[in-house]
N, C-alpha and C. Protein backbone atom coordinates (compact mmCIF):
# COMPACT_ATOMS: atom_id res chain seq x y z
N MET A 1 -39.09 -54.80 -13.46
CA MET A 1 -38.06 -55.54 -13.86
C MET A 1 -38.26 -55.71 -15.46
N SER A 2 -37.01 -55.86 -16.03
CA SER A 2 -37.07 -56.15 -17.50
C SER A 2 -36.79 -57.51 -17.83
N PHE A 3 -37.60 -58.05 -18.66
CA PHE A 3 -37.40 -59.46 -18.99
C PHE A 3 -37.09 -59.60 -20.42
N GLY A 4 -36.49 -60.71 -20.94
CA GLY A 4 -36.28 -60.93 -22.41
C GLY A 4 -37.59 -60.94 -23.24
N SER A 5 -37.51 -61.75 -24.35
CA SER A 5 -38.56 -61.90 -25.24
C SER A 5 -39.63 -62.85 -24.61
N PHE A 6 -40.92 -62.56 -25.03
CA PHE A 6 -41.97 -63.34 -24.49
C PHE A 6 -42.01 -64.76 -24.92
N ASP A 7 -41.46 -64.98 -26.27
CA ASP A 7 -41.41 -66.36 -26.89
C ASP A 7 -40.48 -67.25 -26.15
N SER A 8 -39.44 -66.79 -25.49
CA SER A 8 -38.49 -67.91 -24.89
C SER A 8 -39.02 -68.32 -23.72
N LYS A 9 -38.71 -69.70 -23.27
CA LYS A 9 -39.19 -70.14 -22.05
C LYS A 9 -38.29 -69.83 -20.68
N GLU A 10 -37.05 -69.36 -21.03
CA GLU A 10 -36.25 -68.93 -19.94
C GLU A 10 -36.50 -67.53 -19.80
N GLU A 11 -36.48 -66.96 -18.52
CA GLU A 11 -36.39 -65.48 -18.14
C GLU A 11 -35.08 -65.07 -18.24
N GLN A 12 -34.97 -64.03 -18.91
CA GLN A 12 -33.65 -63.38 -19.00
C GLN A 12 -33.72 -61.89 -18.61
N PHE A 13 -32.84 -61.57 -17.69
CA PHE A 13 -32.88 -60.08 -17.28
C PHE A 13 -31.91 -59.18 -18.31
N ILE A 14 -32.40 -57.92 -18.40
CA ILE A 14 -31.67 -57.27 -19.23
C ILE A 14 -30.73 -56.42 -18.37
N ASN A 15 -29.39 -56.46 -18.56
CA ASN A 15 -28.26 -55.95 -17.56
C ASN A 15 -27.82 -54.54 -17.91
N GLU A 16 -28.65 -53.75 -18.44
CA GLU A 16 -28.47 -52.51 -18.76
C GLU A 16 -29.16 -51.45 -17.96
N ILE A 17 -28.56 -50.23 -17.70
CA ILE A 17 -29.26 -49.34 -16.96
C ILE A 17 -30.12 -48.38 -17.68
N ASN A 18 -31.38 -47.97 -17.23
CA ASN A 18 -32.10 -47.27 -17.99
C ASN A 18 -31.70 -45.98 -17.74
N MET A 19 -31.19 -45.21 -18.85
CA MET A 19 -30.64 -43.91 -18.69
C MET A 19 -31.74 -42.75 -18.82
N THR A 20 -32.95 -43.01 -19.06
CA THR A 20 -33.95 -41.98 -19.27
C THR A 20 -34.22 -41.23 -17.97
N PRO A 21 -34.43 -41.90 -17.00
CA PRO A 21 -34.81 -41.07 -15.58
C PRO A 21 -33.55 -40.30 -15.14
N PHE A 22 -32.29 -40.82 -15.53
CA PHE A 22 -31.17 -40.07 -15.15
C PHE A 22 -31.03 -38.77 -15.98
N VAL A 23 -31.36 -38.98 -17.23
CA VAL A 23 -31.08 -37.79 -18.05
C VAL A 23 -32.32 -36.74 -17.77
N ASP A 24 -33.39 -37.12 -17.61
CA ASP A 24 -34.60 -36.34 -17.23
C ASP A 24 -34.21 -35.63 -15.79
N VAL A 25 -33.75 -36.19 -14.79
CA VAL A 25 -33.49 -35.52 -13.53
C VAL A 25 -32.25 -34.56 -13.84
N MET A 26 -31.24 -34.84 -14.72
CA MET A 26 -30.17 -33.87 -14.98
C MET A 26 -30.74 -32.85 -15.79
N LEU A 27 -31.60 -32.82 -16.61
CA LEU A 27 -32.13 -31.69 -17.53
C LEU A 27 -32.89 -30.79 -16.51
N VAL A 28 -33.60 -31.47 -15.65
CA VAL A 28 -34.41 -30.39 -14.64
C VAL A 28 -33.35 -29.74 -13.79
N LEU A 29 -32.49 -30.36 -13.24
CA LEU A 29 -31.56 -29.60 -12.59
C LEU A 29 -30.74 -28.58 -13.20
N LEU A 30 -30.38 -28.66 -14.39
CA LEU A 30 -29.83 -27.94 -15.42
C LEU A 30 -30.70 -26.52 -15.67
N ILE A 31 -31.95 -26.90 -15.80
CA ILE A 31 -32.94 -25.67 -15.95
C ILE A 31 -33.05 -24.94 -14.80
N ILE A 32 -32.97 -25.60 -13.59
CA ILE A 32 -33.36 -24.80 -12.16
C ILE A 32 -32.07 -24.06 -12.09
N PHE A 33 -30.86 -24.62 -12.26
CA PHE A 33 -29.56 -23.84 -12.09
C PHE A 33 -29.43 -22.62 -13.00
N MET A 34 -30.01 -22.73 -14.26
CA MET A 34 -29.92 -21.74 -15.20
C MET A 34 -31.02 -20.51 -14.91
N ILE A 35 -32.11 -20.79 -14.22
CA ILE A 35 -32.91 -19.90 -13.66
C ILE A 35 -32.53 -19.13 -12.55
N THR A 36 -31.93 -19.91 -11.32
CA THR A 36 -31.60 -19.44 -10.18
C THR A 36 -30.09 -18.70 -10.24
N ALA A 37 -29.22 -19.00 -11.13
CA ALA A 37 -27.93 -18.47 -11.04
C ALA A 37 -27.94 -16.91 -11.27
N PRO A 38 -28.56 -16.39 -12.15
CA PRO A 38 -28.74 -14.88 -12.19
C PRO A 38 -29.28 -14.15 -11.12
N VAL A 39 -30.19 -14.80 -10.29
CA VAL A 39 -30.71 -14.20 -9.07
C VAL A 39 -29.96 -14.21 -7.93
N LEU A 40 -28.87 -15.21 -7.92
CA LEU A 40 -27.97 -15.27 -6.71
C LEU A 40 -26.93 -14.13 -6.58
N LYS A 41 -26.92 -13.25 -7.44
CA LYS A 41 -26.08 -12.10 -7.47
C LYS A 41 -26.57 -11.09 -6.39
N HIS A 42 -25.68 -10.95 -5.15
CA HIS A 42 -26.04 -10.21 -4.12
C HIS A 42 -25.17 -9.01 -3.90
N ALA A 43 -24.32 -8.68 -5.04
CA ALA A 43 -23.62 -7.49 -4.79
C ALA A 43 -24.34 -6.22 -5.07
N VAL A 44 -24.12 -5.24 -4.54
CA VAL A 44 -24.73 -3.83 -4.84
C VAL A 44 -23.54 -3.04 -5.54
N GLU A 45 -23.74 -2.52 -6.72
CA GLU A 45 -22.81 -1.84 -7.44
C GLU A 45 -22.95 -0.25 -6.79
N VAL A 46 -21.82 0.12 -6.38
CA VAL A 46 -21.63 1.34 -5.63
C VAL A 46 -20.35 2.16 -6.45
N ASN A 47 -20.64 3.42 -6.79
CA ASN A 47 -19.61 4.28 -7.28
C ASN A 47 -19.02 4.96 -6.07
N LEU A 48 -17.66 4.26 -5.54
CA LEU A 48 -17.00 4.86 -4.44
C LEU A 48 -16.30 6.05 -4.82
N PRO A 49 -16.21 7.03 -3.92
CA PRO A 49 -15.17 8.24 -4.10
C PRO A 49 -13.85 7.96 -3.98
N GLN A 50 -13.04 8.63 -4.71
CA GLN A 50 -11.45 8.33 -4.68
C GLN A 50 -11.06 9.29 -3.62
N ALA A 51 -10.12 8.64 -2.88
CA ALA A 51 -9.34 9.37 -1.73
C ALA A 51 -7.99 8.81 -1.39
N SER A 52 -7.12 9.72 -1.13
CA SER A 52 -5.77 9.21 -0.82
C SER A 52 -5.57 9.20 0.58
N SER A 53 -4.91 8.22 1.19
CA SER A 53 -4.63 8.16 2.76
C SER A 53 -3.24 7.66 2.89
N LYS A 54 -2.70 8.00 4.00
CA LYS A 54 -1.38 7.64 4.20
C LYS A 54 -1.73 6.57 5.55
N PRO A 55 -0.82 5.57 5.57
CA PRO A 55 -0.79 4.63 6.76
C PRO A 55 -0.52 5.54 7.93
N GLN A 56 -0.99 4.97 9.06
CA GLN A 56 -0.81 5.42 10.42
C GLN A 56 0.63 5.38 10.83
N VAL A 57 1.24 6.28 11.08
CA VAL A 57 2.77 6.32 11.29
C VAL A 57 2.94 6.19 12.98
N ASN A 58 1.85 6.67 13.70
CA ASN A 58 1.96 6.79 15.10
C ASN A 58 1.80 5.31 15.61
N LYS A 59 2.90 4.58 15.89
CA LYS A 59 2.64 3.37 16.66
C LYS A 59 2.77 3.55 18.11
N PRO A 60 1.83 2.82 18.78
CA PRO A 60 1.84 2.99 20.26
C PRO A 60 2.98 2.41 20.88
N GLU A 61 3.35 3.17 22.00
CA GLU A 61 4.47 2.72 22.80
C GLU A 61 4.33 1.47 23.52
N ILE A 62 5.41 0.70 23.70
CA ILE A 62 5.26 -0.57 24.33
C ILE A 62 5.92 -0.55 25.81
N LEU A 63 5.09 -0.71 26.77
CA LEU A 63 5.63 -0.80 28.22
C LEU A 63 5.87 -2.15 28.59
N ASN A 64 7.08 -2.58 29.02
CA ASN A 64 7.37 -3.96 29.48
C ASN A 64 7.35 -4.02 30.82
N LEU A 65 6.31 -4.86 31.44
CA LEU A 65 6.36 -4.90 32.84
C LEU A 65 6.78 -6.45 33.37
N ASN A 66 7.76 -6.46 33.96
CA ASN A 66 8.37 -7.75 34.49
C ASN A 66 7.92 -7.78 35.89
N ILE A 67 7.46 -9.19 36.15
CA ILE A 67 7.09 -9.57 37.57
C ILE A 67 8.07 -10.63 38.01
N ASP A 68 8.86 -10.40 38.94
CA ASP A 68 9.84 -11.55 39.33
C ASP A 68 9.12 -12.56 40.19
N GLN A 69 9.77 -13.58 40.68
CA GLN A 69 9.43 -14.56 41.41
C GLN A 69 9.03 -14.25 42.74
N ASN A 70 9.50 -13.19 43.25
CA ASN A 70 9.24 -12.52 44.56
C ASN A 70 8.03 -11.48 44.56
N GLY A 71 7.56 -11.32 43.35
CA GLY A 71 6.54 -10.31 43.23
C GLY A 71 6.90 -8.77 42.87
N GLY A 72 8.06 -8.59 42.65
CA GLY A 72 8.84 -7.33 42.34
C GLY A 72 8.35 -6.88 40.99
N TYR A 73 8.05 -5.66 40.86
CA TYR A 73 7.74 -5.03 39.58
C TYR A 73 8.90 -4.27 38.84
N THR A 74 8.96 -4.47 37.81
CA THR A 74 10.20 -3.78 36.93
C THR A 74 9.54 -3.36 35.53
N LEU A 75 9.45 -2.05 35.53
CA LEU A 75 8.73 -1.43 34.36
C LEU A 75 9.82 -0.79 33.39
N ASP A 76 10.16 -1.37 32.33
CA ASP A 76 11.16 -0.92 31.31
C ASP A 76 12.52 -0.88 32.01
N SER A 77 12.97 -1.81 32.61
CA SER A 77 14.31 -2.01 33.48
C SER A 77 14.31 -0.91 34.61
N LYS A 78 13.25 -0.53 35.08
CA LYS A 78 13.14 0.46 36.33
C LYS A 78 12.45 -0.22 37.34
N ARG A 79 13.23 -0.67 38.34
CA ARG A 79 12.50 -1.24 39.65
C ARG A 79 11.57 -0.39 40.40
N LEU A 80 10.25 -0.86 40.50
CA LEU A 80 9.16 0.18 41.07
C LEU A 80 8.37 -0.55 42.17
N SER A 81 8.00 0.10 43.17
CA SER A 81 7.07 -0.30 44.15
C SER A 81 5.56 -0.35 43.60
N GLU A 82 4.66 -0.91 44.34
CA GLU A 82 3.17 -0.79 43.64
C GLU A 82 2.70 0.35 43.55
N LYS A 83 3.12 1.34 44.43
CA LYS A 83 2.54 2.76 44.41
C LYS A 83 3.19 3.34 43.14
N GLU A 84 4.45 3.34 42.98
CA GLU A 84 5.26 3.92 42.05
C GLU A 84 4.73 3.49 40.46
N LEU A 85 4.53 2.03 40.59
CA LEU A 85 3.89 1.51 39.30
C LEU A 85 2.54 2.06 39.06
N ASN A 86 1.69 2.20 39.95
CA ASN A 86 0.39 2.67 39.56
C ASN A 86 0.56 4.44 39.01
N GLU A 87 1.47 5.00 39.63
CA GLU A 87 1.96 6.53 39.12
C GLU A 87 2.21 6.37 37.71
N GLN A 88 3.18 5.42 37.42
CA GLN A 88 3.60 5.43 36.00
C GLN A 88 2.65 5.14 35.09
N LEU A 89 1.89 4.07 35.44
CA LEU A 89 0.70 3.42 34.52
C LEU A 89 -0.32 4.75 34.17
N GLN A 90 -0.60 5.55 35.39
CA GLN A 90 -1.31 6.56 35.21
C GLN A 90 -0.91 7.72 34.20
N GLN A 91 0.47 8.08 34.36
CA GLN A 91 1.10 8.95 33.48
C GLN A 91 0.93 8.24 31.92
N ALA A 92 1.25 7.38 31.81
CA ALA A 92 1.35 6.67 30.61
C ALA A 92 0.02 6.47 29.81
N SER A 93 -1.11 6.28 30.64
CA SER A 93 -2.26 6.19 29.96
C SER A 93 -2.95 7.40 29.43
N LYS A 94 -2.25 8.45 29.90
CA LYS A 94 -2.68 9.82 29.39
C LYS A 94 -2.00 10.19 28.22
N SER A 95 -0.81 9.45 27.79
CA SER A 95 -0.25 9.68 26.36
C SER A 95 -1.33 9.36 25.12
N SER A 96 -0.81 10.03 24.03
CA SER A 96 -1.66 9.67 22.83
C SER A 96 -0.71 9.23 21.75
N PRO A 97 -0.76 8.31 21.05
CA PRO A 97 -1.75 7.08 21.43
C PRO A 97 -1.40 6.36 22.85
N GLN A 98 -2.30 5.73 23.19
CA GLN A 98 -2.12 4.97 24.56
C GLN A 98 -1.13 3.85 24.23
N PRO A 99 -0.34 3.68 25.20
CA PRO A 99 0.66 2.55 25.16
C PRO A 99 0.07 1.11 25.29
N VAL A 100 0.86 0.26 25.09
CA VAL A 100 0.44 -1.25 25.16
C VAL A 100 1.29 -1.78 26.28
N LEU A 101 0.62 -2.38 27.15
CA LEU A 101 1.35 -3.01 28.39
C LEU A 101 1.66 -4.29 28.25
N HIS A 102 2.89 -4.93 27.99
CA HIS A 102 3.22 -6.26 27.88
C HIS A 102 3.60 -6.85 29.26
N ILE A 103 3.10 -7.81 29.77
CA ILE A 103 3.40 -8.32 31.03
C ILE A 103 4.12 -9.63 31.10
N TYR A 104 5.34 -9.63 31.49
CA TYR A 104 6.29 -10.91 31.51
C TYR A 104 6.20 -11.37 32.98
N GLY A 105 5.35 -12.42 33.22
CA GLY A 105 5.48 -12.93 34.57
C GLY A 105 6.16 -14.07 34.85
N ASP A 106 6.95 -14.06 35.87
CA ASP A 106 7.98 -15.18 36.06
C ASP A 106 6.98 -16.50 36.24
N LYS A 107 7.65 -17.54 35.93
CA LYS A 107 6.89 -18.93 36.01
C LYS A 107 6.54 -19.32 37.38
N LYS A 108 7.24 -18.73 38.23
CA LYS A 108 6.92 -19.20 39.83
C LYS A 108 6.20 -18.16 40.47
N VAL A 109 5.99 -16.89 39.92
CA VAL A 109 5.26 -15.82 40.60
C VAL A 109 3.95 -16.21 41.00
N GLU A 110 3.41 -15.81 42.12
CA GLU A 110 2.14 -16.05 42.52
C GLU A 110 1.13 -15.16 41.82
N TYR A 111 0.13 -15.77 41.46
CA TYR A 111 -0.95 -15.14 40.44
C TYR A 111 -1.62 -13.81 41.15
N ASP A 112 -1.56 -13.62 42.49
CA ASP A 112 -1.85 -12.48 43.20
C ASP A 112 -1.17 -11.23 42.59
N TYR A 113 0.20 -11.28 42.56
CA TYR A 113 0.97 -10.40 41.93
C TYR A 113 0.83 -9.82 40.47
N VAL A 114 0.37 -10.79 39.67
CA VAL A 114 -0.12 -10.49 38.37
C VAL A 114 -1.37 -9.96 38.18
N ALA A 115 -2.44 -10.39 39.08
CA ALA A 115 -3.79 -9.82 39.18
C ALA A 115 -3.65 -8.39 39.61
N LYS A 116 -2.59 -8.13 40.55
CA LYS A 116 -2.49 -6.71 41.09
C LYS A 116 -1.99 -5.75 39.94
N ALA A 117 -1.10 -6.15 39.24
CA ALA A 117 -0.72 -5.43 38.15
C ALA A 117 -1.77 -5.27 37.14
N MET A 118 -2.64 -6.10 36.75
CA MET A 118 -3.72 -5.97 35.80
C MET A 118 -4.67 -5.16 36.40
N SER A 119 -5.08 -5.15 37.60
CA SER A 119 -5.89 -4.39 38.22
C SER A 119 -5.35 -2.81 38.45
N LEU A 120 -4.02 -2.69 38.58
CA LEU A 120 -3.40 -1.18 38.49
C LEU A 120 -3.60 -0.77 37.11
N ALA A 121 -3.05 -1.55 36.01
CA ALA A 121 -3.42 -0.94 34.81
C ALA A 121 -4.83 -0.68 34.55
N ASN A 122 -5.74 -1.36 34.86
CA ASN A 122 -7.24 -1.05 34.76
C ASN A 122 -7.71 0.20 35.16
N ALA A 123 -7.26 0.29 36.49
CA ALA A 123 -7.52 1.50 37.34
C ALA A 123 -6.89 2.77 36.53
N ALA A 124 -5.76 2.47 36.02
CA ALA A 124 -5.08 3.75 35.54
C ALA A 124 -5.40 4.18 33.99
N GLY A 125 -6.35 3.35 33.60
CA GLY A 125 -6.90 3.55 32.27
C GLY A 125 -6.14 2.92 30.97
N VAL A 126 -5.15 1.96 31.38
CA VAL A 126 -4.52 1.40 30.20
C VAL A 126 -5.53 0.32 29.58
N GLU A 127 -5.91 0.55 28.22
CA GLU A 127 -6.78 -0.33 27.76
C GLU A 127 -6.17 -1.74 26.91
N LYS A 128 -4.92 -1.58 26.70
CA LYS A 128 -4.40 -2.73 25.83
C LYS A 128 -3.39 -3.40 26.59
N VAL A 129 -3.69 -4.68 27.30
CA VAL A 129 -2.59 -5.41 28.13
C VAL A 129 -2.42 -6.72 27.31
N GLY A 130 -1.17 -7.07 27.28
CA GLY A 130 -0.97 -8.51 26.77
C GLY A 130 0.02 -9.31 27.70
N PHE A 131 -0.08 -10.59 27.68
CA PHE A 131 0.71 -11.31 28.25
C PHE A 131 1.97 -11.97 27.30
N VAL A 132 3.21 -11.77 27.73
CA VAL A 132 4.23 -12.62 26.86
C VAL A 132 4.70 -13.81 27.49
N THR A 133 4.60 -14.79 26.62
CA THR A 133 5.16 -16.09 27.02
C THR A 133 6.30 -16.44 26.02
N SER A 134 7.16 -17.45 26.59
CA SER A 134 8.15 -18.13 25.70
C SER A 134 7.59 -19.24 24.92
N PRO A 135 7.97 -19.60 23.84
CA PRO A 135 7.35 -20.78 23.15
C PRO A 135 7.86 -21.96 23.72
N GLY A 136 6.92 -22.98 23.83
CA GLY A 136 7.47 -24.17 24.58
C GLY A 136 8.29 -25.13 23.41
N LYS A 137 8.68 -26.22 23.96
CA LYS A 137 9.54 -27.16 23.22
C LYS A 137 8.69 -28.01 22.26
């Protein structure tokens, strides 16, 4: 603690902040950052070759599979049985690029019918399957 002069009988505190330790710490931090900043460059300079390419134009076909409340399958507005659906999915999986299967399941359909459709798609070799839902309120 800092006190006033030794001559006075009352003890007086000096109400000023000692800036010397603060300046010392800041100078040390400045020196540390100046030394470490050039070392932090992690980039590797590589001379890459030039090439021209076109974006991929072949977009995969989208197959829409609707599963109604009673478990009936409709593939692209064509009503199919489970066996016919399996055949259609096997034919579609052989095409290039492979199609994407979008499954539209009715809100009240039993999950068993959706699981069967997913199993048929997997067995047929369809790799991309998505579920389509309507946005909520």
